[in-house]
Amino acid sequence: MEFEKRLYNTGEVEKILSVSRTTLWNYIRAGELKAVKIGYRWKIDGADLEQFVKNGTTKGYWARYKEEKQKGK
């Protein structure tokens, strides 16, 4: 899936992912989906959104691996 726009607002991402506002913010707070605040609005980069859809997170494989390994200790 390729996203046409460069930046999406949170309302657009909610519709694309078919999730509630709360779920979207949970993804953002957990660091699973990257978001940036521009002025007083939050935006999600199309590339990050595409990676999230493909992988379930915008964190790379090694970052997830390291986190899981640290939790296991």
C-alpha atoms as a PDB file:
ATOM      1  CA  MET A   1       0.000   0.000   0.000  1.00  0.00           C
ATOM      2  CA  GLU A   2       1.401   3.366  -0.932  1.00  0.00           C
ATOM      3  CA  PHE A   3       0.150   6.575   0.641  1.00  0.00           C
ATOM      4  CA  GLU A   4      -0.239   9.567  -1.642  1.00  0.00           C
ATOM      5  CA  LYS A   5       0.032  12.400   0.858  1.00  0.00           C
ATOM      6  CA  ARG A   6       3.227  13.271   2.657  1.00  0.00           C
ATOM      7  CA  LEU A   7       1.580  14.234   5.978  1.00  0.00           C
ATOM      8  CA  TYR A   8      -1.712  13.056   7.456  1.00  0.00           C
ATOM      9  CA  ASN A   9      -3.652  14.524  10.354  1.00  0.00           C
ATOM     10  CA  THR A  10      -4.899  12.279  13.145  1.00  0.00           C
ATOM     11  CA  GLY A  11      -8.482  12.224  11.852  1.00  0.00           C
ATOM     12  CA  GLU A  12      -7.331  10.936   8.476  1.00  0.00           C
ATOM     13  CA  VAL A  13      -5.185   8.247  10.086  1.00  0.00           C
ATOM     14  CA  GLU A  14      -8.098   7.129  12.285  1.00  0.00           C
ATOM     15  CA  LYS A  15     -10.150   6.546   9.132  1.00  0.00           C
ATOM     16  CA  ILE A  16      -7.318   4.837   7.223  1.00  0.00           C
ATOM     17  CA  LEU A  17      -6.601   2.426  10.086  1.00  0.00           C
ATOM     18  CA  SER A  18     -10.274   2.111  11.118  1.00  0.00           C
ATOM     19  CA  VAL A  19      -9.435   2.769  14.750  1.00  0.00           C
ATOM     20  CA  SER A  20     -10.820   5.057  17.421  1.00  0.00           C
ATOM     21  CA  ARG A  21      -9.103   8.251  18.507  1.00  0.00           C
ATOM     22  CA  THR A  22      -8.117   6.568  21.780  1.00  0.00           C
ATOM     23  CA  THR A  23      -6.506   3.623  19.989  1.00  0.00           C
ATOM     24  CA  LEU A  24      -4.582   5.925  17.661  1.00  0.00           C
ATOM     25  CA  TRP A  25      -3.248   7.934  20.605  1.00  0.00           C
ATOM     26  CA  ASN A  26      -2.302   4.715  22.392  1.00  0.00           C
ATOM     27  CA  TYR A  27      -0.186   3.761  19.351  1.00  0.00           C
ATOM     28  CA  ILE A  28       1.434   7.204  19.350  1.00  0.00           C
ATOM     29  CA  ARG A  29       2.095   7.284  23.116  1.00  0.00           C
ATOM     30  CA  ALA A  30       3.560   3.773  23.030  1.00  0.00           C
ATOM     31  CA  GLY A  31       5.929   4.848  20.263  1.00  0.00           C
ATOM     32  CA  GLU A  32       4.445   2.350  17.821  1.00  0.00           C
ATOM     33  CA  LEU A  33       3.406   5.101  15.408  1.00  0.00           C
ATOM     34  CA  LYS A  34       5.516   8.222  15.022  1.00  0.00           C
ATOM     35  CA  ALA A  35       3.751  11.569  15.113  1.00  0.00           C
ATOM     36  CA  VAL A  36       5.043  15.128  15.140  1.00  0.00           C
ATOM     37  CA  LYS A  37       3.390  18.242  16.495  1.00  0.00           C
ATOM     38  CA  ILE A  38       3.301  21.111  14.015  1.00  0.00           C
ATOM     39  CA  GLY A  39       1.938  24.200  15.684  1.00  0.00           C
ATOM     40  CA  TYR A  40      -0.979  22.852  17.681  1.00  0.00           C
ATOM     41  CA  ARG A  41      -1.776  19.948  15.342  1.00  0.00           C
ATOM     42  CA  TRP A  42      -0.346  16.447  15.220  1.00  0.00           C
ATOM     43  CA  LYS A  43       0.773  14.991  11.885  1.00  0.00           C
ATOM     44  CA  ILE A  44       1.835  11.517  10.796  1.00  0.00           C
ATOM     45  CA  ASP A  45       4.295  11.087   7.929  1.00  0.00           C
ATOM     46  CA  GLY A  46       3.019   8.934   5.054  1.00  0.00           C
ATOM     47  CA  ALA A  47       6.176   6.789   5.121  1.00  0.00           C
ATOM     48  CA  ASP A  48       5.732   6.108   8.855  1.00  0.00           C
ATOM     49  CA  LEU A  49       2.076   5.273   8.300  1.00  0.00           C
ATOM     50  CA  GLU A  50       2.994   2.875   5.509  1.00  0.00           C
ATOM     51  CA  GLN A  51       5.603   1.185   7.718  1.00  0.00           C
ATOM     52  CA  PHE A  52       3.064   0.920  10.546  1.00  0.00           C
ATOM     53  CA  VAL A  53       0.550  -0.767   8.240  1.00  0.00           C
ATOM     54  CA  LYS A  54       3.180  -3.213   6.955  1.00  0.00           C
ATOM     55  CA  ASN A  55       4.883  -4.020  10.267  1.00  0.00           C
ATOM     56  CA  GLY A  56       2.398  -3.055  12.971  1.00  0.00           C
ATOM     57  CA  THR A  57       4.848  -0.439  14.253  1.00  0.00           C
ATOM     58  CA  THR A  58       7.189   2.272  13.030  1.00  0.00           C
ATOM     59  CA  LYS A  59       9.971   0.897  15.212  1.00  0.00           C
ATOM     60  CA  GLY A  60      12.573  -1.028  13.317  1.00  0.00           C
ATOM     61  CA  TYR A  61      13.172  -4.721  13.874  1.00  0.00           C
ATOM     62  CA  TRP A  62      16.307  -4.204  15.971  1.00  0.00           C
ATOM     63  CA  ALA A  63      14.652  -1.629  18.216  1.00  0.00           C
ATOM     64  CA  ARG A  64      11.788  -4.049  18.944  1.00  0.00           C
ATOM     65  CA  TYR A  65      14.271  -6.910  19.450  1.00  0.00           C
ATOM     66  CA  LYS A  66      16.313  -4.904  21.956  1.00  0.00           C
ATOM     67  CA  GLU A  67      13.174  -3.873  23.882  1.00  0.00           C
ATOM     68  CA  GLU A  68      11.913  -7.456  24.042  1.00  0.00           C
ATOM     69  CA  LYS A  69      15.346  -8.683  25.151  1.00  0.00           C
ATOM     70  CA  GLN A  70      15.533  -6.046  27.918  1.00  0.00           C
ATOM     71  CA  LYS A  71      12.058  -6.981  29.152  1.00  0.00           C
ATOM     72  CA  GLY A  72      13.168 -10.608  29.387  1.00  0.00           C
ATOM     73  CA  LYS A  73      16.023  -9.769  31.782  1.00  0.00           C
END
